[in-house]
Protein backbone atom coordinates (compact mmCIF):
# COMPACT_ATOMS: atom_id res chain seq x y z
CA MET A 1 120.09 158.06 42.85
CA ALA A 2 123.87 158.02 43.02
CA THR A 3 123.76 160.85 45.56
CA LYS A 4 121.31 158.90 47.73
CA LYS A 5 123.46 155.74 47.58
CA ARG A 6 126.50 157.78 48.45
CA ALA A 7 124.73 159.27 51.44
CA LEU A 8 123.83 155.82 52.74
CA LEU A 9 127.37 154.50 52.50
CA GLU A 10 129.15 157.62 53.65
CA PRO A 11 130.85 157.12 57.02
CA PRO A 12 130.42 159.65 59.80
CA LYS A 13 132.53 162.78 59.29
CA ASP A 14 133.34 162.86 62.97
CA ARG A 15 135.54 159.94 63.95
CA GLY A 16 133.99 160.01 67.43
CA PHE A 17 130.41 159.23 66.33
CA ASN A 18 128.08 157.98 69.06
CA PRO A 19 126.15 154.73 68.32
CA SER A 20 123.52 155.75 70.90
CA ASN A 21 122.60 158.72 68.72
CA ILE A 22 122.08 156.33 65.81
CA VAL A 23 119.69 154.27 67.95
CA LYS A 24 117.84 157.44 68.93
CA LEU A 25 117.50 158.51 65.29
CA LEU A 26 116.12 155.08 64.40
CA SER A 27 113.56 155.29 67.22
CA MET A 28 112.46 158.69 65.90
CA ARG A 29 112.00 157.22 62.44
CA PHE A 30 110.28 154.04 63.70
CA PRO A 31 108.27 154.85 66.90
CA LEU A 32 108.46 152.35 69.79
CA ASP A 33 104.72 152.40 70.46
CA GLN A 34 104.32 149.60 67.89
CA CYS A 35 106.89 147.35 69.57
CA ASP A 36 105.50 144.14 71.12
CA TYR A 37 108.85 143.00 72.64
CA HIS A 38 108.54 139.52 71.11
CA PHE A 39 111.49 139.46 68.74
CA THR A 40 111.56 137.15 65.73
CA ASP A 41 114.67 135.50 64.30
CA ALA A 42 114.54 137.84 61.30
CA GLU A 43 114.50 140.93 63.56
CA GLU A 44 117.43 139.66 65.61
CA SER A 45 119.37 138.91 62.41
CA ILE A 46 118.78 142.43 61.06
CA CYS A 47 119.83 143.91 64.41
CA ALA A 48 123.01 141.84 64.39
CA SER A 49 123.82 143.07 60.87
CA ILE A 50 123.37 146.70 61.92
CA ILE A 51 125.60 146.20 64.96
CA GLU A 52 128.23 144.47 62.80
CA TYR A 53 128.11 147.35 60.33
CA ILE A 54 128.53 150.04 63.02
CA VAL A 55 131.33 148.17 64.79
CA GLY A 56 133.02 147.52 61.46
CA ILE A 57 132.99 151.21 60.51
CA ARG A 58 134.34 152.25 63.90
CA GLU A 59 137.21 149.74 63.96
CA ALA A 60 138.00 150.21 60.28
CA ASP A 61 138.02 154.00 60.70
CA GLU A 62 140.36 153.76 63.67
CA SER A 63 142.77 151.53 61.75
CA LEU A 64 143.24 154.05 58.91
CA THR A 65 146.08 155.78 60.70
CA PHE A 66 148.83 154.15 58.62
CA ASP A 67 151.75 156.04 57.12
CA PRO A 68 150.98 157.18 53.54
CA GLN A 69 154.54 156.29 52.49
CA GLU A 70 153.63 152.59 52.88
CA ASN A 71 151.65 152.66 49.66
CA ASP A 72 154.64 152.38 47.36
CA ASP A 73 153.18 150.08 44.72
CA GLY A 74 152.25 152.87 42.36
CA GLU A 75 148.57 152.84 43.22
CA SER A 76 146.45 155.71 42.03
CA SER A 77 146.38 158.67 44.39
CA GLY A 78 142.82 158.90 43.24
CA GLU A 79 141.37 161.51 40.96
CA ASP A 80 138.67 158.92 40.29
CA TYR A 81 138.62 157.74 43.90
CA THR A 82 135.10 158.05 45.36
CA GLU A 83 133.86 158.07 48.92
CA ILE A 84 131.81 154.94 48.23
CA GLU A 85 134.99 153.08 47.34
CA GLU A 86 136.57 154.39 50.54
CA VAL A 87 133.84 152.86 52.67
CA LYS A 88 134.04 149.60 50.74
CA ARG A 89 137.78 149.51 51.37
CA LYS A 90 137.25 149.98 55.10
CA LEU A 91 134.88 147.01 55.17
CA THR A 92 136.96 144.76 52.90
CA SER A 93 138.95 143.06 55.63
CA PHE A 94 135.80 142.03 57.46
CA LYS A 95 134.78 139.81 54.53
CA TYR A 96 137.53 137.38 55.50
CA SER A 97 137.35 135.06 58.48
CA ARG A 98 139.94 135.34 61.22
CA SER A 99 141.78 132.23 60.00
CA GLN A 100 141.95 133.70 56.49
CA MET A 101 143.25 137.01 57.86
CA GLU A 102 145.94 135.18 59.82
CA ARG A 103 146.98 133.27 56.70
CA ILE A 104 147.18 136.47 54.63
CA VAL A 105 149.29 138.29 57.23
CA LYS A 106 151.53 135.26 57.73
CA ASP A 107 152.11 134.88 53.98
CA HIS A 108 153.21 138.51 53.77
CA ASP A 109 155.15 138.90 57.02
CA GLU A 110 156.72 135.47 57.48
CA ASN A 111 156.60 133.59 54.19
CA GLY A 112 158.01 136.43 52.10
CA MET A 113 155.07 136.78 49.72
CA THR A 114 155.06 140.16 47.99
CA PHE A 115 152.10 142.47 48.18
CA ALA A 116 151.43 141.93 44.47
CA ASP A 117 151.18 138.18 45.11
CA ILE A 118 148.84 138.83 48.03
CA GLN A 119 146.58 140.86 45.76
CA HIS A 120 146.70 138.12 43.13
CA HIS A 121 145.62 135.37 45.55
CA TYR A 122 143.23 137.48 47.66
CA LYS A 123 141.21 139.68 45.34
CA MET A 124 139.54 141.77 48.05
CA VAL A 125 142.87 143.09 49.36
CA LYS A 126 143.11 146.38 47.45
CA SER A 127 145.85 148.23 49.32
CA ARG A 128 148.40 148.00 52.07
CA ALA A 129 145.83 149.70 54.27
CA ASP A 130 143.74 146.52 54.12
CA LEU A 131 146.77 144.48 55.13
CA ALA A 132 147.54 146.82 58.03
CA ARG A 133 143.91 146.70 59.08
CA MET A 134 143.96 142.90 59.15
CA ARG A 135 147.14 142.90 61.20
CA ARG A 136 145.60 145.29 63.70
CA TYR A 137 142.34 143.36 63.73
CA ILE A 138 144.11 140.09 64.54
CA THR A 139 146.24 141.48 67.33
CA HIS A 140 143.91 144.00 68.94
CA SER A 141 140.30 143.02 68.23
CA VAL A 142 138.50 142.45 71.51
CA ARG A 143 135.43 141.23 69.69
CA LEU A 144 137.31 138.45 67.97
CA GLU A 145 139.07 137.55 71.20
CA GLU A 146 135.71 137.14 72.92
CA ALA A 147 134.39 135.09 69.99
CA GLU A 148 137.34 132.71 70.29
CA ILE A 149 136.84 132.39 74.04
CA LYS A 150 133.11 131.74 73.58
CA ASP A 151 133.83 128.99 71.04
CA GLU A 152 136.19 127.17 73.40
CA LEU A 153 133.89 127.81 76.36
CA LEU A 154 131.02 126.16 74.47
CA ILE A 155 133.19 123.09 73.82
CA ALA A 156 134.04 122.89 77.53
CA PHE A 157 130.37 123.34 78.49
CA GLN A 158 129.26 120.54 76.15
CA GLU A 159 131.90 118.26 77.66
CA TRP A 160 130.63 119.06 81.18
CA VAL A 161 127.06 118.23 80.12
CA ARG A 162 128.14 114.91 78.61
CA ASN A 163 129.90 114.03 81.87
CA GLY A 164 126.88 115.03 83.97
CA HIS A 165 128.55 117.82 86.00
CA HIS A 166 126.68 120.49 87.95
CA ILE A 167 127.30 123.78 86.13
CA ASN A 168 126.59 127.35 87.19
CA ASP A 169 127.59 130.86 86.09
CA ARG A 170 130.65 130.81 88.33
CA ASP A 171 131.99 127.75 86.49
CA LEU A 172 131.56 129.52 83.14
CA HIS A 173 133.33 132.59 84.54
CA LEU A 174 136.35 130.64 85.79
CA GLU A 175 136.65 128.57 82.61
CA ALA A 176 136.47 131.70 80.43
CA LEU A 177 139.28 133.29 82.45
CA GLU A 178 141.36 130.12 82.10
CA ILE A 179 140.86 130.10 78.33
CA ALA A 180 141.82 133.78 78.15
CA ARG A 181 144.95 133.08 80.20
CA ARG A 182 146.01 130.31 77.81
CA LYS A 183 145.55 132.69 74.88
CA ASN A 184 147.42 135.55 76.61
CA HIS A 185 144.36 137.82 76.54
CA THR A 186 145.40 139.73 79.64
CA THR A 187 142.67 142.39 79.46
CA PHE A 188 139.75 139.95 79.31
CA LYS A 189 137.42 140.13 82.35
CA ALA A 190 134.53 137.65 81.73
CA GLY A 191 131.96 139.96 83.27
CA PRO A 192 128.23 139.31 83.77
CA THR A 193 127.40 140.67 80.30
CA PHE A 194 129.80 138.22 78.66
CA ILE A 195 128.25 135.28 80.54
CA LEU A 196 124.71 136.45 79.73
CA GLU A 197 125.48 136.85 76.01
CA PHE A 198 127.14 133.43 75.93
CA LYS A 199 124.12 131.74 77.55
CA LYS A 200 121.62 133.55 75.35
CA LYS A 201 123.48 132.75 72.13
CA ASN A 202 123.70 129.03 72.94
CA ASN A 203 120.21 128.64 74.49
CA ILE A 204 121.64 127.83 77.92
CA VAL A 205 119.27 128.24 80.87
CA SER A 206 119.06 127.12 84.49
CA ARG A 207 117.10 123.89 84.91
CA LYS A 208 116.01 121.84 87.91
CA VAL A 209 117.90 118.56 88.32
CA THR A 210 115.36 115.79 87.72
CA GLN A 211 117.60 112.76 88.07
CA SER A 212 120.83 111.97 89.90
CA THR A 213 123.12 109.11 89.01
CA THR A 214 126.64 107.91 89.78
CA THR A 215 129.57 108.15 87.42
CA LYS A 216 129.46 104.40 86.88
CA GLN A 217 125.82 104.55 85.82
CA PHE A 218 126.42 107.55 83.58
CA VAL A 219 128.98 105.76 81.41
CA ASP A 220 128.14 103.53 78.43
CA VAL A 221 124.66 104.91 77.77
CA GLU A 222 124.73 103.63 74.21
CA ARG A 223 125.72 100.17 75.40
CA GLN A 224 122.81 100.18 77.85
CA LYS A 225 120.44 101.00 74.99
CA GLU A 226 121.76 98.04 73.02
CA VAL A 227 121.37 95.69 76.00
CA CYS A 228 117.87 97.04 76.61
CA GLN A 229 116.84 96.41 73.00
CA GLU A 230 118.34 92.90 73.00
CA PHE A 231 116.37 92.01 76.15
CA ARG A 232 113.20 93.54 74.72
CA ASP A 233 113.52 91.54 71.49
CA GLY A 234 114.11 88.29 73.39
CA MET A 235 111.13 88.76 75.70
CA LYS A 236 108.88 89.85 72.85
CA SER A 237 109.68 86.63 71.00
CA LEU A 238 109.11 84.53 74.15
CA ILE A 239 105.75 86.13 74.94
CA SER A 240 104.44 85.98 71.37
CA ASN A 241 105.25 82.25 71.16
CA HIS A 242 104.04 81.34 74.66
CA PRO A 243 100.79 79.34 74.62
CA ASN A 244 99.37 80.85 77.82
CA LYS A 245 99.71 84.61 78.41
CA LYS A 246 98.18 84.36 81.88
CA LYS A 247 101.31 82.45 82.98
CA ILE A 248 103.63 85.37 82.16
CA PHE A 249 104.07 87.79 85.08
CA ASN A 250 105.97 90.91 86.02
CA SER A 251 106.60 91.88 89.65
CA ASP A 252 108.29 94.92 91.14
CA GLN A 253 108.66 96.68 94.47
CA THR A 254 107.42 100.22 94.77
CA GLY A 255 107.46 102.53 97.78
CA LEU A 256 104.35 104.30 99.03
CA LYS A 257 104.33 107.22 101.50
CA LEU A 258 102.14 106.69 104.55
CA GLU A 259 100.42 109.99 103.75
CA LEU A 260 100.74 110.51 100.01
CA ARG A 261 100.09 114.13 98.99
CA ALA A 262 100.49 116.06 95.74
CA GLY A 263 103.24 118.64 95.46
CA ARG A 264 100.96 121.26 93.89
CA THR A 265 97.62 122.85 94.80
CA LEU A 266 95.30 125.53 93.46
CA ALA A 267 95.70 129.01 94.94
CA ILE A 268 94.93 132.63 94.12
CA LYS A 269 97.23 134.06 91.46
CA GLY A 270 100.00 136.15 92.99
CA SER A 271 100.05 134.36 96.35
CA LYS A 272 103.55 134.63 97.81
CA GLN A 273 103.17 131.65 100.14
CA VAL A 274 100.99 128.58 99.68
CA ARG A 275 100.36 126.63 102.89
CA VAL A 276 98.63 123.27 103.17
CA VAL A 277 97.69 121.22 106.23
CA VAL A 278 98.84 117.62 106.67
CA GLN A 279 97.81 115.15 109.32
CA ARG A 280 101.27 113.95 110.40
CA GLU A 281 104.58 115.35 109.18
CA ASN A 282 106.56 112.14 109.69
CA ALA A 283 104.05 110.30 107.51
CA LEU A 284 105.25 112.40 104.56
CA THR A 285 108.75 110.90 104.79
CA HIS A 286 108.10 107.34 106.02
CA SER A 287 106.87 104.72 103.61
CA LEU A 288 105.90 101.10 103.12
CA THR A 289 106.53 98.77 100.16
CA LEU A 290 104.08 97.21 97.74
CA GLN A 291 104.84 94.10 95.64
CA PRO A 292 102.32 94.17 92.77
CA VAL A 293 102.22 91.36 90.18
CA ILE A 294 100.59 91.77 86.75
CA SER A 295 100.11 89.21 83.98
CA ALA A 296 100.55 89.63 80.24
CA ASN A 297 96.82 89.04 79.68
CA GLY A 298 95.92 92.07 81.81
CA PHE A 299 95.20 90.86 85.35
CA LEU A 300 96.48 92.05 88.73
CA GLN A 301 97.33 89.08 90.96
CA THR A 302 95.75 89.03 94.42
CA PRO A 303 96.50 89.18 97.24
CA MET A 304 99.19 91.85 96.95
CA MET A 305 102.08 91.70 99.39
CA VAL A 306 102.51 94.82 101.55
CA CYS A 307 105.56 95.37 103.77
CA PHE A 308 104.83 97.79 106.63
CA LEU A 309 107.40 99.85 108.50
CA GLU A 310 107.44 98.34 111.99
CA ARG A 311 110.60 98.64 114.07
CA HIS A 312 108.83 97.03 117.02
CA PRO A 313 105.85 95.15 115.57
CA PRO A 314 102.96 94.52 117.96
CA ALA A 315 101.88 90.98 118.80
CA LYS A 316 98.49 91.65 117.21
CA PHE A 317 99.97 92.72 113.86
CA ARG A 318 98.82 89.66 111.91
CA ASP A 319 95.44 89.43 113.62
CA GLU A 320 94.74 93.12 113.02
CA LEU A 321 95.37 92.92 109.27
CA GLU A 322 94.19 89.40 108.53
CA GLU A 323 90.69 90.46 107.49
CA PHE A 324 91.88 92.32 104.39
CA GLN A 325 91.51 89.60 101.77
CA PHE A 326 93.29 91.47 98.95
CA LEU A 327 96.46 92.05 101.01
CA HIS A 328 99.19 89.83 102.41
CA CYS A 329 100.75 91.97 105.14
CA VAL A 330 104.30 91.57 106.48
CA HIS A 331 106.68 93.95 108.24
CA SER A 332 110.34 94.93 108.44
CA ALA A 333 112.39 97.45 110.40
CA SER A 334 112.93 99.61 107.29
CA GLY A 335 109.60 99.14 105.56
CA MET A 336 111.43 97.59 102.59
CA MET A 337 111.58 94.03 101.32
CA THR A 338 114.40 91.70 102.35
CA ALA A 339 115.75 88.47 100.84
CA ASP A 340 113.80 86.43 103.40
CA LEU A 341 110.60 88.30 102.62
CA ALA A 342 111.19 87.75 98.88
CA CYS A 343 111.23 83.98 99.47
CA THR A 344 108.13 84.31 101.66
CA TRP A 345 106.36 86.25 98.93
CA ILE A 346 107.02 83.56 96.30
CA SER A 347 106.13 80.60 98.53
CA ASP A 348 103.09 82.11 100.29
CA VAL A 349 101.68 84.53 97.70
CA PHE A 350 102.94 84.05 94.16
CA LEU A 351 102.98 80.25 93.75
CA PRO A 352 99.59 79.55 95.40
CA ASN A 353 97.89 82.14 93.16
CA GLY A 354 98.79 80.96 89.68
CA GLY A 355 102.57 81.15 89.81
CA GLN A 356 103.26 77.44 89.22
CA ASP A 357 105.12 76.71 85.95
CA SER A 358 105.12 80.38 85.02
CA VAL A 359 107.46 82.98 83.54
CA LEU A 360 108.37 85.74 86.02
CA LEU A 361 109.99 88.99 84.89
CA ILE A 362 111.88 90.73 87.74
CA ASP A 363 114.56 93.40 88.13
CA SER A 364 118.21 92.86 89.10
CA TRP A 365 117.72 93.40 92.87
CA SER A 366 120.15 91.08 94.69
CA GLY A 367 117.45 90.06 97.18
CA TYR A 368 115.91 87.84 94.52
CA ASN A 369 119.03 85.66 94.18
CA ARG A 370 118.09 83.27 96.99
CA ALA A 371 114.53 82.96 95.70
CA MET A 372 115.78 82.22 92.17
CA ASN A 373 118.05 79.46 93.48
CA GLU A 374 115.28 77.96 95.58
CA PHE A 375 112.35 78.16 93.18
CA GLY A 376 113.99 78.46 89.79
CA THR A 377 117.23 76.54 89.40
CA GLN A 378 116.50 73.60 91.72
CA ASN A 379 112.76 72.97 91.52
CA ARG A 380 112.10 74.51 88.09
CA GLN A 381 108.79 75.87 89.37
CA ILE A 382 109.38 79.34 87.92
CA GLU A 383 111.25 80.52 84.82
CA PHE A 384 112.95 83.72 85.97
CA HIS A 385 113.99 86.47 83.55
CA VAL A 386 116.07 89.29 85.05
CA ILE A 387 115.86 92.76 83.51
CA PRO A 388 119.35 94.24 82.82
CA PRO A 389 120.50 96.85 85.38
CA HIS A 390 119.55 100.51 84.76
CA THR A 391 116.93 99.60 82.13
CA THR A 392 113.84 98.95 84.27
CA GLY A 393 112.40 102.38 83.48
CA ASP A 394 112.25 101.39 79.81
CA VAL A 395 111.34 97.69 79.73
CA GLN A 396 109.61 96.83 83.01
CA PRO A 397 105.82 97.03 82.46
CA LEU A 398 105.05 98.00 86.07
CA ASP A 399 107.47 100.94 85.90
CA VAL A 400 106.37 102.02 82.44
CA PHE A 401 102.59 102.16 82.94
CA PHE A 402 101.17 100.85 86.20
CA ASN A 403 102.88 101.98 89.41
CA ARG A 404 102.28 105.68 88.76
CA GLN A 405 98.60 105.07 88.00
CA LEU A 406 98.24 103.00 91.18
CA LYS A 407 99.80 105.78 93.28
CA ALA A 408 97.68 108.45 91.58
CA PHE A 409 94.52 106.60 92.61
CA HIS A 410 95.81 106.23 96.18
CA ARG A 411 96.81 109.92 96.37
CA HIS A 412 93.38 111.00 95.16
CA LEU A 413 91.72 108.79 97.77
CA THR A 414 94.04 110.11 100.52
CA GLU A 415 93.36 113.78 99.75
CA LEU A 416 89.63 113.16 99.47
CA LEU A 417 89.52 111.52 102.90
CA CYS A 418 91.69 114.23 104.48
CA ARG A 419 89.31 116.90 103.20
CA LEU A 420 85.99 115.17 103.87
CA ARG A 421 86.94 113.08 106.93
CA PRO A 422 89.71 114.98 108.78
CA ASP A 423 89.26 112.68 111.80
CA PHE A 424 90.28 109.67 109.65
CA ILE A 425 94.09 109.43 110.11
CA VAL A 426 95.28 107.92 106.84
CA SER A 427 98.74 106.91 108.11
CA VAL A 428 97.45 104.63 110.88
CA ARG A 429 98.27 100.98 110.13
CA ARG A 430 94.71 99.72 109.98
CA ASN A 431 93.42 102.72 108.04
CA ILE A 432 96.11 102.52 105.39
CA ALA A 433 95.49 98.78 105.04
CA ASN A 434 91.81 99.53 104.55
CA MET A 435 92.62 102.02 101.78
CA LEU A 436 95.09 99.65 100.08
CA ASN A 437 92.60 96.80 100.20
CA LEU A 438 90.08 98.98 98.37
CA LEU A 439 92.80 100.08 95.94
CA VAL A 440 93.75 96.52 94.95
CA PHE A 441 90.10 95.54 94.69
CA GLN A 442 89.46 98.42 92.27
CA PHE A 443 92.39 97.48 90.01
CA THR A 444 91.24 93.86 89.72
CA ALA A 445 88.17 95.08 87.82
CA ALA A 446 87.87 94.05 84.17
CA ARG A 447 87.86 97.68 83.03
CA PHE A 448 91.53 97.95 84.06
CA ARG A 449 92.65 95.01 81.89
CA PRO A 450 93.38 97.21 78.82
CA MET A 451 95.56 99.49 80.96
CA ILE A 452 97.60 96.56 82.32
CA MET A 453 98.04 95.11 78.84
CA LEU A 454 99.10 98.54 77.61
CA ALA A 455 101.91 98.48 80.20
CA TRP A 456 103.39 95.43 78.45
CA GLN A 457 102.92 97.05 75.05
CA LYS A 458 104.52 100.38 76.03
CA ALA A 459 107.49 98.47 77.45
CA GLY A 460 108.00 96.95 74.00
CA LEU A 461 107.37 93.37 75.16
CA MET A 462 104.12 92.84 73.23
CA GLN A 463 102.75 94.02 69.91
CA ARG A 464 101.19 97.46 70.32
CA LYS A 465 97.40 97.63 70.04
CA PHE A 466 95.77 101.00 70.52
CA VAL A 467 92.89 101.01 72.99
CA LEU A 468 90.82 104.02 74.08
CA PHE A 469 90.49 104.50 77.84
CA ASN A 470 87.80 106.33 79.76
CA TRP A 471 90.15 107.96 82.27
CA PHE A 472 87.50 110.16 83.88
CA ASN A 473 85.43 107.17 84.95
CA TRP A 474 88.51 105.48 86.38
CA PHE A 475 89.67 108.27 88.61
């Protein structure tokens, strides 16, 4: 048994041993035909230990070139010295961290601590060879240099992420070189392998940017969460104590493409290019604006205001769209709402259809300021509540669980018509009004009340009540 243990711990006789041969011997002992190439954490840990062991033997073996005269402390020349103890001595220094090694070497070289004192305080230091090995390891170990650079590079990367910077491999390369320059590691190159190992170790991958924001918006995220929660608590108290839920409304503006299409389609697996046909290319980029209004008791207010994109509106605009009873159609040069149109919406649409003496929840768009002064402060017809900036995605019911569902229905209707009725141009003014009129009519049905109430609940403005929906019948 002792012979077998000795054979396992015995270092290679030839100082120039080849690690590739070790890998080949392992593959002969454990055939690769059983490998599934899905590595577990345990397998990666064992592999890392083997690599550490091989690298440790190589570097420790190379460092044993000290002068024998250095061992002048009367240590045994070794009749009882075994080869197992020799290997253990070579690996002793690797049981200390780099900071501990630096402290040991500094105590001996700079602080005047004798070798006997070093051995007393650091029990694993058995000889001056261990001390020499540590000194060499600190000053010449490329592996430790790279580990230090990776640690500082990770700190820099985390700081970039917190600040919302765009980051690519080139940025990591330049920052690693800058860190190496500060540490006087003149031989460091920061090659592709270094970058790949760094990314793999820290689970860093390339991701598509899903949201862009300005520096001003990116700051004080925690403060925004506090403001959001304060507003949510205040509105929840107001709604729960209000005697008439049908007098509590939320309104928002949402853009709608003239020809709304999905970004994905079914195709044969392996297709290199996926081509789809659209009716008009400019209809994919131009849009109009909807102004939906929902109540806390689950109703969609009608008619819904629709702002069309009309740079030069025709004289027959109003006459052409007047027949659609669920729409109130206006126009602007940009297809977006203006401050004047906001006042028109309140006076001509909101107030005549249940908006008198109501609570209206709106966002912080500056176009509402004139309407709030005219209908809120002076006449007290409407109690306005403005959602704090940059929090609408969390606390505005229409954004949380209504606008996307509305657009999904419209997109499904658009694609169905384009496939079954290709002669029906969906982006024509009258045709799109016809589709929107049907859309609003559908969402006024009683079966959609639970969905609208869920929007208020998911926004945190009402007590959550779980309701099952039959989505397949809806869409």
